[in-house]
């Protein structure tokens, strides 16, 4: 990303009524990625039985792990990472 690629969101302008919503959206995206990385990282070092016990998903450990992995991949798309880099 070049230096000029950063997009400033000016939430001090009175006409920018939705600027805070945009900034909140970017913060939430960043948090989702952080949480997805954390949960996936923990699950990667557990057995299915441990996942079921520790995460409270009795009988569904493998399914939940697969869902977490898929969601993590989806939220780490190029567009998601770019909006965080450029606006966040």
N, C-alpha and C. Protein backbone atom coordinates (compact mmCIF):
# COMPACT_ATOMS: atom_id res chain seq x y z
N UNK A 1 0.86 -1.17 0.00
CA UNK A 1 0.00 0.00 0.00
C UNK A 1 0.90 1.23 0.00
N UNK A 2 0.65 2.12 -0.92
CA UNK A 2 1.41 3.37 -1.00
C UNK A 2 0.93 4.33 0.07
N UNK A 3 1.78 5.30 0.40
CA UNK A 3 1.46 6.26 1.46
C UNK A 3 0.16 7.00 1.18
N UNK A 4 -0.08 7.37 -0.05
CA UNK A 4 -1.28 8.12 -0.40
C UNK A 4 -2.55 7.29 -0.45
N UNK A 5 -2.43 5.99 -0.21
CA UNK A 5 -3.59 5.10 -0.30
C UNK A 5 -4.48 5.14 0.94
N UNK A 6 -3.98 5.70 2.04
CA UNK A 6 -4.77 5.77 3.26
C UNK A 6 -5.93 6.74 3.04
N UNK A 7 -7.10 6.35 3.46
CA UNK A 7 -8.30 7.19 3.31
C UNK A 7 -8.70 7.69 4.69
N UNK A 8 -8.64 9.00 4.86
CA UNK A 8 -9.03 9.59 6.14
C UNK A 8 -10.55 9.71 6.21
N UNK A 9 -11.10 9.20 7.26
CA UNK A 9 -12.54 9.34 7.52
C UNK A 9 -12.67 10.45 8.55
N UNK A 10 -13.19 11.58 8.11
CA UNK A 10 -13.28 12.75 8.98
C UNK A 10 -14.65 12.79 9.65
N UNK A 11 -14.67 12.33 10.89
CA UNK A 11 -15.93 12.30 11.62
C UNK A 11 -16.19 13.59 12.40
N UNK A 12 -15.36 14.61 12.15
CA UNK A 12 -15.57 15.91 12.81
C UNK A 12 -16.42 16.84 11.96
N UNK A 13 -16.62 16.51 10.71
CA UNK A 13 -17.43 17.33 9.82
C UNK A 13 -18.90 17.07 10.12
N UNK A 14 -19.66 18.13 10.32
CA UNK A 14 -21.06 17.96 10.73
C UNK A 14 -21.90 17.25 9.68
N UNK A 15 -21.53 17.34 8.41
CA UNK A 15 -22.31 16.67 7.37
C UNK A 15 -21.98 15.18 7.27
N UNK A 16 -20.92 14.74 7.93
CA UNK A 16 -20.50 13.34 7.87
C UNK A 16 -21.21 12.53 8.97
N UNK A 17 -22.51 12.51 8.89
CA UNK A 17 -23.32 11.89 9.94
C UNK A 17 -23.07 10.39 10.09
N UNK A 18 -22.58 9.75 9.05
CA UNK A 18 -22.39 8.30 9.09
C UNK A 18 -20.93 7.89 9.21
N UNK A 19 -20.03 8.85 9.37
CA UNK A 19 -18.60 8.55 9.46
C UNK A 19 -18.30 7.62 10.63
N UNK A 20 -18.92 7.84 11.76
CA UNK A 20 -18.68 6.98 12.93
C UNK A 20 -19.15 5.56 12.69
N UNK A 21 -20.21 5.40 11.91
CA UNK A 21 -20.68 4.06 11.57
C UNK A 21 -19.64 3.33 10.72
N UNK A 22 -19.04 4.04 9.79
CA UNK A 22 -18.00 3.45 8.94
C UNK A 22 -16.78 3.06 9.78
N UNK A 23 -16.36 3.94 10.66
CA UNK A 23 -15.22 3.65 11.53
C UNK A 23 -15.52 2.48 12.46
N UNK A 24 -16.73 2.40 12.96
CA UNK A 24 -17.14 1.29 13.81
C UNK A 24 -17.10 -0.02 13.03
N UNK A 25 -17.57 0.02 11.81
CA UNK A 25 -17.55 -1.16 10.92
C UNK A 25 -16.13 -1.67 10.76
N UNK A 26 -15.18 -0.79 10.53
CA UNK A 26 -13.78 -1.18 10.35
C UNK A 26 -13.22 -1.77 11.66
N UNK A 27 -13.56 -1.16 12.79
CA UNK A 27 -13.11 -1.70 14.09
C UNK A 27 -13.66 -3.10 14.32
N UNK A 28 -14.93 -3.31 13.99
CA UNK A 28 -15.56 -4.62 14.17
C UNK A 28 -14.88 -5.66 13.26
N UNK A 29 -14.60 -5.28 12.03
CA UNK A 29 -13.91 -6.20 11.11
C UNK A 29 -12.56 -6.62 11.70
N UNK A 30 -11.82 -5.65 12.20
CA UNK A 30 -10.51 -5.94 12.78
C UNK A 30 -10.67 -6.92 13.96
N UNK A 31 -11.67 -6.69 14.80
CA UNK A 31 -11.91 -7.55 15.97
C UNK A 31 -12.33 -8.95 15.54
N UNK A 32 -13.14 -9.05 14.51
CA UNK A 32 -13.57 -10.36 14.01
C UNK A 32 -12.36 -11.16 13.54
N UNK A 33 -11.47 -10.51 12.82
CA UNK A 33 -10.27 -11.20 12.34
C UNK A 33 -9.40 -11.64 13.51
N UNK A 34 -9.22 -10.77 14.49
CA UNK A 34 -8.41 -11.12 15.66
C UNK A 34 -9.02 -12.32 16.39
N UNK A 35 -10.34 -12.28 16.59
CA UNK A 35 -11.01 -13.39 17.30
C UNK A 35 -10.95 -14.68 16.50
N UNK A 36 -11.13 -14.59 15.19
CA UNK A 36 -11.07 -15.78 14.34
C UNK A 36 -9.69 -16.42 14.39
N UNK A 37 -8.65 -15.59 14.35
CA UNK A 37 -7.28 -16.11 14.44
C UNK A 37 -7.05 -16.78 15.80
N UNK A 38 -7.54 -16.16 16.85
CA UNK A 38 -7.36 -16.70 18.20
C UNK A 38 -8.05 -18.06 18.35
N UNK A 39 -9.34 -18.11 17.97
CA UNK A 39 -10.10 -19.36 18.13
C UNK A 39 -9.54 -20.46 17.25
N UNK A 40 -9.22 -20.13 15.99
CA UNK A 40 -8.65 -21.14 15.10
C UNK A 40 -7.32 -21.63 15.63
N UNK A 41 -6.49 -20.72 16.11
CA UNK A 41 -5.20 -21.11 16.65
C UNK A 41 -5.32 -22.06 17.83
N UNK A 42 -6.28 -21.80 18.68
CA UNK A 42 -6.52 -22.68 19.83
C UNK A 42 -7.01 -24.05 19.35
N UNK A 43 -7.98 -24.03 18.44
CA UNK A 43 -8.55 -25.29 17.94
C UNK A 43 -7.52 -26.13 17.21
N UNK A 44 -6.57 -25.49 16.54
CA UNK A 44 -5.55 -26.23 15.79
C UNK A 44 -4.69 -27.12 16.68
N UNK A 45 -4.66 -26.83 17.96
CA UNK A 45 -3.85 -27.62 18.89
C UNK A 45 -4.70 -28.52 19.80
N UNK A 46 -5.94 -28.76 19.38
CA UNK A 46 -6.85 -29.58 20.18
C UNK A 46 -7.37 -30.76 19.36
N UNK A 47 -7.76 -31.79 20.08
CA UNK A 47 -8.46 -32.90 19.45
C UNK A 47 -9.94 -32.50 19.32
N UNK A 48 -10.67 -33.26 18.56
CA UNK A 48 -12.10 -33.00 18.43
C UNK A 48 -12.79 -33.09 19.79
N UNK A 49 -12.40 -34.06 20.59
CA UNK A 49 -12.99 -34.22 21.93
C UNK A 49 -12.70 -33.00 22.80
N UNK A 50 -11.49 -32.48 22.72
CA UNK A 50 -11.15 -31.28 23.49
C UNK A 50 -11.95 -30.07 23.03
N UNK A 51 -12.12 -29.94 21.73
CA UNK A 51 -12.92 -28.83 21.19
C UNK A 51 -14.34 -28.92 21.73
N UNK A 52 -14.90 -30.13 21.70
CA UNK A 52 -16.27 -30.32 22.18
C UNK A 52 -16.39 -29.94 23.65
N UNK A 53 -15.42 -30.34 24.45
CA UNK A 53 -15.46 -30.05 25.89
C UNK A 53 -15.19 -28.58 26.17
N UNK A 54 -14.11 -28.06 25.64
CA UNK A 54 -13.67 -26.70 25.96
C UNK A 54 -14.57 -25.61 25.39
N UNK A 55 -15.15 -25.88 24.22
CA UNK A 55 -16.00 -24.88 23.58
C UNK A 55 -17.49 -25.14 23.79
N UNK A 56 -17.82 -26.25 24.47
CA UNK A 56 -19.21 -26.54 24.79
C UNK A 56 -20.06 -26.93 23.58
N UNK A 57 -19.47 -27.68 22.67
CA UNK A 57 -20.19 -28.07 21.45
C UNK A 57 -20.25 -29.59 21.32
N UNK A 58 -20.71 -30.24 22.37
CA UNK A 58 -20.74 -31.69 22.46
C UNK A 58 -21.32 -32.32 21.20
N UNK A 59 -20.53 -33.25 20.64
CA UNK A 59 -20.96 -33.98 19.45
C UNK A 59 -20.76 -33.24 18.15
N UNK A 60 -20.25 -32.01 18.21
CA UNK A 60 -20.11 -31.21 16.99
C UNK A 60 -18.74 -30.55 16.84
N UNK A 61 -17.73 -31.10 17.50
CA UNK A 61 -16.40 -30.50 17.48
C UNK A 61 -15.82 -30.34 16.09
N UNK A 62 -15.87 -31.41 15.30
CA UNK A 62 -15.30 -31.35 13.94
C UNK A 62 -16.05 -30.36 13.07
N UNK A 63 -17.37 -30.35 13.19
CA UNK A 63 -18.19 -29.42 12.39
C UNK A 63 -17.89 -27.98 12.76
N UNK A 64 -17.82 -27.71 14.05
CA UNK A 64 -17.55 -26.35 14.50
C UNK A 64 -16.16 -25.92 14.06
N UNK A 65 -15.18 -26.81 14.16
CA UNK A 65 -13.83 -26.47 13.72
C UNK A 65 -13.80 -26.14 12.23
N UNK A 66 -14.51 -26.91 11.44
CA UNK A 66 -14.59 -26.64 10.00
C UNK A 66 -15.26 -25.30 9.73
N UNK A 67 -16.32 -25.00 10.46
CA UNK A 67 -17.01 -23.72 10.29
C UNK A 67 -16.11 -22.54 10.67
N UNK A 68 -15.38 -22.68 11.76
CA UNK A 68 -14.46 -21.62 12.19
C UNK A 68 -13.39 -21.40 11.12
N UNK A 69 -12.83 -22.49 10.61
CA UNK A 69 -11.80 -22.36 9.57
C UNK A 69 -12.35 -21.67 8.32
N UNK A 70 -13.55 -22.03 7.92
CA UNK A 70 -14.16 -21.41 6.74
C UNK A 70 -14.45 -19.94 6.95
N UNK A 71 -14.98 -19.60 8.12
CA UNK A 71 -15.26 -18.19 8.42
C UNK A 71 -13.99 -17.38 8.50
N UNK A 72 -12.96 -17.93 9.11
CA UNK A 72 -11.68 -17.24 9.20
C UNK A 72 -11.14 -16.93 7.80
N UNK A 73 -11.22 -17.90 6.92
CA UNK A 73 -10.75 -17.68 5.54
C UNK A 73 -11.58 -16.60 4.85
N UNK A 74 -12.88 -16.64 5.07
CA UNK A 74 -13.77 -15.67 4.42
C UNK A 74 -13.50 -14.25 4.88
N UNK A 75 -13.29 -14.06 6.18
CA UNK A 75 -13.09 -12.70 6.68
C UNK A 75 -11.70 -12.16 6.38
N UNK A 76 -10.79 -13.02 5.99
CA UNK A 76 -9.44 -12.57 5.64
C UNK A 76 -9.31 -12.34 4.14
N UNK A 77 -10.40 -12.03 3.48
CA UNK A 77 -10.35 -11.77 2.05
C UNK A 77 -9.55 -10.50 1.77
N UNK A 78 -9.15 -10.34 0.54
CA UNK A 78 -8.37 -9.16 0.16
C UNK A 78 -9.13 -7.87 0.42
N UNK A 79 -10.42 -7.85 0.16
CA UNK A 79 -11.22 -6.64 0.37
C UNK A 79 -11.29 -6.28 1.85
N UNK A 80 -11.46 -7.27 2.70
CA UNK A 80 -11.53 -7.01 4.14
C UNK A 80 -10.22 -6.44 4.65
N UNK A 81 -9.13 -7.05 4.26
CA UNK A 81 -7.83 -6.58 4.72
C UNK A 81 -7.52 -5.19 4.15
N UNK A 82 -7.94 -4.93 2.93
CA UNK A 82 -7.69 -3.62 2.33
C UNK A 82 -8.47 -2.52 3.03
N UNK A 83 -9.74 -2.75 3.35
CA UNK A 83 -10.51 -1.70 4.01
C UNK A 83 -9.92 -1.40 5.39
N UNK A 84 -9.43 -2.41 6.08
CA UNK A 84 -8.80 -2.18 7.37
C UNK A 84 -7.51 -1.37 7.19
N UNK A 85 -6.72 -1.74 6.19
CA UNK A 85 -5.46 -1.01 5.94
C UNK A 85 -5.70 0.43 5.51
N UNK A 86 -6.70 0.63 4.68
CA UNK A 86 -6.89 1.96 4.11
C UNK A 86 -7.72 2.91 4.99
N UNK A 87 -8.64 2.36 5.78
CA UNK A 87 -9.50 3.20 6.60
C UNK A 87 -9.21 3.10 8.09
N UNK A 88 -8.50 2.07 8.48
CA UNK A 88 -8.40 1.79 9.89
C UNK A 88 -7.15 2.18 10.57
